[in-house]
Amino acid sequence: MPLIQGGDKAMGKKCVQRPLSQMSQKESGLIPGAMMLALLTSVGPGEAKAANGSAGPATDRPIVDLRTWPTPDTDLSKLPDDEQSRMIKMGQELLTHTSEYLGPEMADPSKRYAGTNMSCASCHRAAATMPYAAPLTGTYSVYPQFQPRFGKNVTLESRINLCFTHSLSGRAIPEDSKEMKALAAYIEYLSRGVPKGAKIIGEKEMVVEEPKRAANLVRGEEVFKEQCTVCHGDDGRGKRVGTVGDRKGYEFPPLWGPDATSESASMFRILSTFQYVYVNMPFGQATWDRPALSKDDAYDVAGFVVSHPRQPREGEVAKDFSNPYDKPEDFPWGPYVDSFSEVQHKYGPFDAIRAEDAAAREKLKKEKEAMANPASPPASK
């Protein structure tokens, strides 16, 4: 029965529900607009405040909460038989079976864009529709956008290629190719209804405050053996669908080794891995609103995972975050604007790093302001 909801009871908010049969004709006629407004403006726990607990900055941007936003229908058989629909279907197929069409086992070398046999869906769960599991719902509506890794605004196509060059350890897909156009078409399909420039809740990892210490790799190994080997194997190399050479890729992806993500992928950073693991793993048990692991265990197992080698950074990949002021606190490669080691940047603790980075950025800001206005006093040292 259709209902108007004034909140989410499961989130601890007051929930008022009224069946359509109990509403006047005038009230029921307002339902589509009211429901869309609620979906565009609702903010849930962990999103209305910043990681330090303070209120986030005010914004006039529409807010789309993927936890309540209608999940895009991934059954594409319902689409009309036209060229655009065929491109959308191709895009979904490339995303969910990347290794079969674009992987390193392709007979045609020109199609080997991915450097591993993982698929995009290894991280973008449920065909890229699951909140806090790297969904692409709404992504089409927020690009172009600034990317700190590049230090500039980038297009959607550039962001897709970032996944291929980093997460899949491969090479860029030509932006005018049919493959790129298909991936963009599928992302556009998932984003339908999301306003241009919206703030999207649930698009990245959930902001979860990490333990105020360095990761305990010994404990992390214990958690890995207890919780992770059933899918990812005792050696962390994943579980293939078939055999090497069949292009079928993985049922459960490798977490390290030559067929995993590169050392410059987001999932080689402990905080990204911690936040993803905390709300998504173990597979089939955890959800964003009901984690299965404690924060300590998720943090330690993330540290254990990123302690293992991946494909090395090479060529242009090594130039990521060429502006050190843009580097995340857990990026494990210097140089930095702070005095902390690569080891601490990799495993924590992070509060002291954040404080020193914030001070360095504030000093840089004042120096730029002083240069723009020579009459201002010099920035304090």
Protein backbone atom coordinates (compact mmCIF):
# COMPACT_ATOMS: atom_id res chain seq x y z
CA MET A 1 0.00 0.00 0.00
CA PRO A 2 1.47 3.40 -0.93
CA LEU A 3 2.41 5.44 2.10
CA ILE A 4 3.64 8.93 2.88
CA GLN A 5 6.55 8.62 5.26
CA GLY A 6 7.78 11.39 7.50
CA GLY A 7 11.04 9.65 8.35
CA ASP A 8 12.67 6.28 8.83
CA LYS A 9 11.69 4.35 11.90
CA ALA A 10 14.69 2.06 11.60
CA MET A 11 16.96 5.10 11.89
CA GLY A 12 15.39 6.17 15.14
CA LYS A 13 13.34 8.97 13.61
CA LYS A 14 9.64 9.52 14.08
CA CYS A 15 7.76 7.77 11.32
CA VAL A 16 4.27 8.91 10.34
CA GLN A 17 2.49 6.79 7.79
CA ARG A 18 -0.90 7.46 6.23
CA PRO A 19 -2.52 5.13 3.69
CA LEU A 20 -3.85 6.72 0.52
CA SER A 21 -7.35 5.61 1.44
CA GLN A 22 -7.29 7.95 4.46
CA MET A 23 -6.26 11.06 2.47
CA SER A 24 -8.38 13.64 0.76
CA GLN A 25 -8.27 13.93 -3.02
CA LYS A 26 -6.25 17.14 -2.67
CA GLU A 27 -3.71 15.48 -0.37
CA SER A 28 -3.29 12.37 -2.52
CA GLY A 29 -2.72 14.49 -5.59
CA LEU A 30 0.33 16.02 -3.92
CA ILE A 31 1.98 12.68 -3.21
CA PRO A 32 4.44 12.52 -6.15
CA GLY A 33 5.83 15.97 -5.43
CA ALA A 34 5.90 15.41 -1.68
CA MET A 35 7.67 12.12 -1.99
CA MET A 36 10.24 13.52 -4.42
CA LEU A 37 10.86 16.48 -2.09
CA ALA A 38 11.40 14.10 0.81
CA LEU A 39 13.83 12.01 -1.20
CA LEU A 40 15.75 15.10 -2.29
CA THR A 41 16.07 16.68 1.15
CA SER A 42 16.22 13.89 3.74
CA VAL A 43 19.52 13.44 5.55
CA GLY A 44 20.25 10.37 7.64
CA PRO A 45 22.63 9.53 10.48
CA GLY A 46 26.31 9.97 9.78
CA GLU A 47 25.64 12.46 6.98
CA ALA A 48 24.21 15.56 8.64
CA LYS A 49 27.42 15.96 10.63
CA ALA A 50 31.05 15.91 9.69
CA ALA A 51 33.38 13.17 10.90
CA ASN A 52 34.30 15.24 13.98
CA GLY A 53 30.66 15.55 14.99
CA SER A 54 30.23 19.19 13.99
CA ALA A 55 27.43 20.32 11.74
CA GLY A 56 28.32 20.17 8.05
CA PRO A 57 28.33 23.28 5.88
CA ALA A 58 25.03 24.64 4.63
CA THR A 59 24.34 24.05 0.98
CA ASP A 60 21.71 25.07 -1.53
CA ARG A 61 22.37 21.94 -3.56
CA PRO A 62 19.54 19.38 -3.67
CA ILE A 63 20.31 16.35 -1.53
CA VAL A 64 19.69 12.83 -2.79
CA ASP A 65 19.87 10.09 -0.17
CA LEU A 66 20.52 6.77 -1.90
CA ARG A 67 19.30 4.90 1.18
CA THR A 68 15.75 6.08 0.43
CA TRP A 69 16.06 6.91 -3.27
CA PRO A 70 14.31 4.33 -5.49
CA THR A 71 16.87 1.73 -6.55
CA PRO A 72 17.28 1.78 -10.34
CA ASP A 73 15.84 -1.30 -12.03
CA THR A 74 18.79 -3.37 -13.22
CA ASP A 75 16.52 -5.69 -15.22
CA LEU A 76 17.17 -4.02 -18.53
CA SER A 77 14.96 -6.41 -20.50
CA LYS A 78 12.15 -3.92 -19.94
CA LEU A 79 13.87 -1.21 -21.95
CA PRO A 80 12.64 -0.46 -25.48
CA ASP A 81 14.44 -1.96 -28.44
CA ASP A 82 16.39 1.07 -29.62
CA GLU A 83 20.02 2.14 -29.97
CA GLN A 84 20.20 3.97 -26.63
CA SER A 85 18.84 0.95 -24.77
CA ARG A 86 21.34 -1.31 -26.49
CA MET A 87 24.14 0.98 -25.33
CA ILE A 88 22.80 0.91 -21.77
CA LYS A 89 22.68 -2.88 -21.81
CA MET A 90 26.20 -3.06 -23.21
CA GLY A 91 27.39 -0.74 -20.45
CA GLN A 92 25.87 -2.92 -17.76
CA GLU A 93 27.47 -5.99 -19.31
CA LEU A 94 30.88 -4.31 -19.40
CA LEU A 95 30.53 -3.25 -15.77
CA THR A 96 29.42 -6.63 -14.44
CA HIS A 97 31.63 -8.82 -16.67
CA THR A 98 34.58 -6.54 -17.31
CA SER A 99 37.17 -9.30 -17.62
CA GLU A 100 35.15 -11.06 -20.31
CA TYR A 101 35.23 -8.07 -22.65
CA LEU A 102 38.05 -5.79 -21.54
CA GLY A 103 40.34 -7.98 -19.45
CA PRO A 104 43.96 -9.09 -19.84
CA GLU A 105 42.95 -12.52 -21.18
CA MET A 106 41.25 -11.05 -24.27
CA ALA A 107 42.58 -12.55 -27.51
CA ASP A 108 42.56 -9.09 -29.10
CA PRO A 109 45.32 -7.08 -27.37
CA SER A 110 43.63 -3.81 -28.33
CA LYS A 111 40.72 -4.67 -26.03
CA ARG A 112 42.85 -5.35 -22.96
CA TYR A 113 41.97 -2.18 -21.08
CA ALA A 114 41.78 -3.78 -17.63
CA GLY A 115 45.06 -4.97 -16.19
CA THR A 116 43.43 -7.47 -13.84
CA ASN A 117 40.70 -10.08 -14.17
CA MET A 118 38.50 -8.28 -11.66
CA SER A 119 35.33 -6.55 -12.81
CA CYS A 120 33.98 -3.11 -12.02
CA ALA A 121 31.27 -4.93 -10.05
CA SER A 122 33.94 -6.33 -7.72
CA CYS A 123 33.62 -3.00 -5.87
CA HIS A 124 30.46 -1.47 -7.39
CA ARG A 125 28.08 -3.99 -5.84
CA ALA A 126 24.59 -4.89 -7.11
CA ALA A 127 25.40 -3.61 -10.60
CA ALA A 128 26.50 -0.31 -9.02
CA THR A 129 23.23 0.44 -7.20
CA MET A 130 24.00 -0.37 -3.52
CA PRO A 131 24.48 2.60 -1.15
CA TYR A 132 27.95 2.81 0.40
CA ALA A 133 29.18 0.08 -1.94
CA ALA A 134 30.49 2.41 -4.66
CA PRO A 135 27.11 3.01 -6.33
CA LEU A 136 26.97 4.94 -9.58
CA THR A 137 23.41 6.14 -9.07
CA GLY A 138 23.53 9.89 -9.63
CA THR A 139 27.14 9.90 -10.81
CA TYR A 140 26.20 11.16 -14.27
CA SER A 141 24.55 14.19 -12.65
CA VAL A 142 27.60 15.37 -10.69
CA TYR A 143 30.25 15.42 -13.42
CA PRO A 144 32.32 17.29 -14.40
CA GLN A 145 33.67 17.77 -10.87
CA PHE A 146 36.94 18.56 -9.12
CA GLN A 147 39.15 15.54 -8.45
CA PRO A 148 41.97 16.10 -5.92
CA ARG A 149 43.93 13.25 -7.47
CA PHE A 150 44.20 15.26 -10.69
CA GLY A 151 44.04 18.69 -9.09
CA LYS A 152 41.42 19.88 -11.59
CA ASN A 153 37.89 19.38 -12.85
CA VAL A 154 37.47 16.16 -14.79
CA THR A 155 34.79 14.66 -16.99
CA LEU A 156 32.85 11.49 -16.29
CA GLU A 157 34.95 9.73 -18.92
CA SER A 158 38.15 10.73 -17.14
CA ARG A 159 36.75 9.39 -13.87
CA ILE A 160 35.83 6.08 -15.51
CA ASN A 161 39.37 5.84 -16.83
CA LEU A 162 40.73 6.48 -13.34
CA CYS A 163 39.11 3.19 -12.34
CA PHE A 164 40.70 1.39 -15.28
CA THR A 165 44.18 2.80 -14.74
CA HIS A 166 44.15 2.47 -10.94
CA SER A 167 41.57 0.06 -9.55
CA LEU A 168 41.92 -2.29 -12.53
CA SER A 169 45.63 -1.60 -13.05
CA GLY A 170 45.09 -1.09 -16.75
CA ARG A 171 45.03 1.66 -19.36
CA ALA A 172 42.61 4.35 -20.45
CA ILE A 173 39.70 3.57 -22.76
CA PRO A 174 39.46 6.01 -25.68
CA GLU A 175 36.70 8.49 -24.85
CA ASP A 176 35.18 8.21 -28.33
CA SER A 177 35.07 4.40 -28.24
CA LYS A 178 31.88 2.38 -28.14
CA GLU A 179 32.95 0.85 -24.82
CA MET A 180 33.29 4.23 -23.13
CA LYS A 181 30.02 5.47 -24.57
CA ALA A 182 28.29 2.32 -23.32
CA LEU A 183 29.63 2.68 -19.78
CA ALA A 184 28.56 6.33 -19.74
CA ALA A 185 25.12 5.36 -21.05
CA TYR A 186 24.61 2.87 -18.22
CA ILE A 187 25.69 5.42 -15.63
CA GLU A 188 23.29 7.95 -17.19
CA TYR A 189 20.51 5.37 -16.91
CA LEU A 190 21.27 4.77 -13.22
CA SER A 191 21.26 8.54 -12.64
CA ARG A 192 17.90 9.38 -14.16
CA GLY A 193 15.88 11.65 -11.89
CA VAL A 194 18.89 12.85 -9.90
CA PRO A 195 19.15 16.65 -10.22
CA LYS A 196 22.25 18.12 -11.81
CA GLY A 197 24.87 18.96 -9.20
CA ALA A 198 23.08 17.21 -6.35
CA LYS A 199 24.81 16.23 -3.13
CA ILE A 200 24.52 12.44 -3.04
CA ILE A 201 24.46 10.61 0.27
CA GLY A 202 25.71 7.04 0.05
CA GLU A 203 27.78 7.46 -3.13
CA LYS A 204 31.11 6.84 -1.42
CA GLU A 205 32.23 5.02 1.69
CA MET A 206 30.22 5.87 4.80
CA VAL A 207 32.03 8.37 7.00
CA VAL A 208 33.00 6.19 9.96
CA GLU A 209 35.41 7.43 12.60
CA GLU A 210 38.38 5.10 12.85
CA PRO A 211 40.03 3.97 16.11
CA LYS A 212 42.52 6.54 17.41
CA ARG A 213 45.57 4.32 16.98
CA ALA A 214 47.68 2.56 14.42
CA ALA A 215 46.19 -0.57 12.89
CA ASN A 216 47.09 -3.80 14.67
CA LEU A 217 48.24 -6.07 11.83
CA VAL A 218 48.49 -9.13 14.06
CA ARG A 219 44.86 -8.77 15.08
CA GLY A 220 44.01 -7.94 11.47
CA GLU A 221 45.42 -11.26 10.32
CA GLU A 222 43.31 -13.05 12.92
CA VAL A 223 40.17 -11.29 11.69
CA PHE A 224 41.09 -12.13 8.10
CA LYS A 225 41.42 -15.83 8.93
CA GLU A 226 38.16 -15.80 10.88
CA GLN A 227 36.00 -13.80 8.48
CA CYS A 228 37.54 -13.40 5.03
CA THR A 229 39.24 -16.59 3.85
CA VAL A 230 35.96 -18.34 3.02
CA CYS A 231 35.57 -15.96 0.05
CA HIS A 232 39.00 -14.50 -0.65
CA GLY A 233 41.06 -17.60 0.10
CA ASP A 234 43.79 -18.32 2.62
CA ASP A 235 46.26 -16.47 0.39
CA GLY A 236 43.98 -13.48 -0.29
CA ARG A 237 44.10 -14.16 -4.03
CA GLY A 238 40.33 -14.50 -4.46
CA LYS A 239 38.10 -17.16 -5.99
CA ARG A 240 37.78 -17.35 -9.76
CA VAL A 241 34.54 -18.19 -11.52
CA GLY A 242 36.34 -20.65 -13.78
CA THR A 243 39.97 -21.15 -14.62
CA VAL A 244 42.88 -19.00 -15.74
CA GLY A 245 42.47 -18.03 -19.38
CA ASP A 246 38.68 -18.33 -19.66
CA ARG A 247 38.08 -14.57 -19.19
CA LYS A 248 35.36 -15.27 -16.60
CA GLY A 249 37.10 -13.37 -13.84
CA TYR A 250 36.34 -13.70 -10.14
CA GLU A 251 33.40 -14.65 -8.01
CA PHE A 252 35.27 -13.04 -5.10
CA PRO A 253 38.13 -10.69 -6.04
CA PRO A 254 41.75 -10.91 -4.92
CA LEU A 255 42.73 -8.51 -2.15
CA TRP A 256 46.41 -8.38 -3.01
CA GLY A 257 48.88 -9.82 -5.49
CA PRO A 258 49.37 -9.31 -9.23
CA ASP A 259 45.67 -9.62 -10.15
CA ALA A 260 44.40 -7.15 -7.55
CA THR A 261 44.09 -3.38 -7.66
CA SER A 262 47.21 -1.26 -8.07
CA GLU A 263 49.09 0.37 -5.21
CA SER A 264 47.55 3.71 -6.21
CA ALA A 265 43.92 2.56 -6.03
CA SER A 266 41.64 3.94 -3.34
CA MET A 267 41.35 0.45 -1.88
CA PHE A 268 45.06 0.49 -1.14
CA ARG A 269 44.35 3.19 1.44
CA ILE A 270 43.45 1.98 4.90
CA LEU A 271 40.63 4.42 5.65
CA SER A 272 38.85 3.76 2.34
CA THR A 273 39.22 0.03 2.90
CA PHE A 274 38.12 0.29 6.55
CA GLN A 275 34.97 2.22 5.73
CA TYR A 276 34.07 -0.10 2.84
CA VAL A 277 34.70 -3.23 4.90
CA TYR A 278 32.80 -1.94 7.92
CA VAL A 279 29.47 -1.58 6.08
CA ASN A 280 29.86 -4.28 3.40
CA MET A 281 31.77 -7.23 4.88
CA PRO A 282 31.57 -10.10 5.51
CA PHE A 283 29.70 -10.51 2.24
CA GLY A 284 26.04 -11.28 2.76
CA GLN A 285 26.14 -10.41 6.47
CA ALA A 286 26.88 -6.70 6.83
CA THR A 287 24.71 -3.80 5.68
CA TRP A 288 25.25 -0.07 6.03
CA ASP A 289 22.78 0.11 8.93
CA ARG A 290 23.80 -3.17 10.55
CA PRO A 291 27.56 -3.81 10.40
CA ALA A 292 28.79 -7.29 11.26
CA LEU A 293 32.31 -6.37 12.39
CA SER A 294 33.34 -4.04 15.17
CA LYS A 295 35.11 -0.85 14.12
CA ASP A 296 38.33 -2.15 15.68
CA ASP A 297 38.20 -5.42 13.74
CA ALA A 298 37.31 -3.69 10.47
CA TYR A 299 40.18 -1.23 10.96
CA ASP A 300 42.73 -3.90 11.81
CA VAL A 301 41.76 -6.20 8.95
CA ALA A 302 41.93 -3.22 6.57
CA GLY A 303 45.47 -2.60 7.78
CA PHE A 304 46.36 -6.25 7.24
CA VAL A 305 44.96 -6.19 3.70
CA VAL A 306 46.80 -3.02 2.63
CA SER A 307 50.04 -4.34 4.12
CA HIS A 308 50.32 -6.76 1.19
CA PRO A 309 51.83 -5.77 -2.17
CA ARG A 310 49.76 -5.01 -5.26
CA GLN A 311 50.70 -4.11 -8.79
CA PRO A 312 53.28 -1.31 -8.48
CA ARG A 313 52.65 2.30 -9.44
CA GLU A 314 54.13 3.09 -12.81
CA GLY A 315 54.28 6.00 -15.22
CA GLU A 316 51.53 8.57 -14.89
CA VAL A 317 49.99 6.77 -11.92
CA ALA A 318 52.94 7.87 -9.77
CA LYS A 319 52.00 11.51 -10.38
CA ASP A 320 48.73 11.26 -8.44
CA PHE A 321 48.12 14.13 -6.04
CA SER A 322 50.97 16.13 -7.52
CA ASN A 323 49.77 18.92 -5.22
CA PRO A 324 50.66 17.51 -1.77
CA TYR A 325 48.05 19.76 -0.13
CA ASP A 326 45.35 17.64 -1.82
CA LYS A 327 46.59 14.30 -0.52
CA PRO A 328 44.30 12.28 1.76
CA GLU A 329 45.77 11.63 5.19
CA ASP A 330 46.01 7.89 4.46
CA PHE A 331 47.74 8.18 1.08
CA PRO A 332 50.84 6.03 1.61
CA TRP A 333 53.16 7.85 -0.77
CA GLY A 334 54.99 11.11 -0.02
CA PRO A 335 55.91 13.87 -0.25
CA TYR A 336 53.61 15.38 2.39
CA VAL A 337 52.98 18.85 3.78
CA ASP A 338 53.35 17.42 7.29
CA SER A 339 56.21 15.83 9.22
CA PHE A 340 54.82 12.31 9.52
CA SER A 341 56.25 9.17 7.91
CA GLU A 342 54.81 7.11 5.09
CA VAL A 343 54.27 4.31 7.63
CA GLN A 344 52.04 6.48 9.81
CA HIS A 345 50.19 7.76 6.76
CA LYS A 346 49.55 4.14 5.80
CA TYR A 347 48.51 2.67 9.16
CA GLY A 348 47.63 5.62 11.43
CA PRO A 349 46.97 7.14 13.85
CA PHE A 350 45.59 10.03 11.82
CA ASP A 351 44.36 12.83 14.09
CA ALA A 352 47.79 14.42 14.45
CA ILE A 353 48.30 14.18 10.68
CA ARG A 354 44.94 15.88 10.06
CA ALA A 355 45.75 18.67 12.48
CA GLU A 356 49.14 19.38 10.93
CA ASP A 357 47.75 19.18 7.39
CA ALA A 358 44.94 21.59 8.30
CA ALA A 359 47.47 24.04 9.74
CA ALA A 360 49.60 23.79 6.59
CA ARG A 361 46.60 24.45 4.35
CA GLU A 362 45.52 27.41 6.45
CA LYS A 363 49.02 28.88 6.28
CA LEU A 364 49.05 28.42 2.49
CA LYS A 365 45.67 30.11 2.24
CA LYS A 366 46.90 33.14 4.20
CA GLU A 367 50.04 33.35 2.10
CA LYS A 368 47.97 33.41 -1.08
CA GLU A 369 45.70 36.08 0.38
CA ALA A 370 48.74 38.16 1.34
CA MET A 371 50.16 37.88 -2.18
CA ALA A 372 46.83 38.94 -3.63
CA ASN A 373 46.66 41.89 -1.22
CA PRO A 374 50.18 43.19 -0.48
CA ALA A 375 48.79 45.59 2.13
CA SER A 376 47.87 42.66 4.39
CA PRO A 377 50.30 41.60 7.14
CA PRO A 378 52.43 38.51 6.33
CA ALA A 379 51.19 35.09 7.45
CA SER A 380 52.53 34.05 10.84
CA LYS A 381 55.11 31.34 10.86
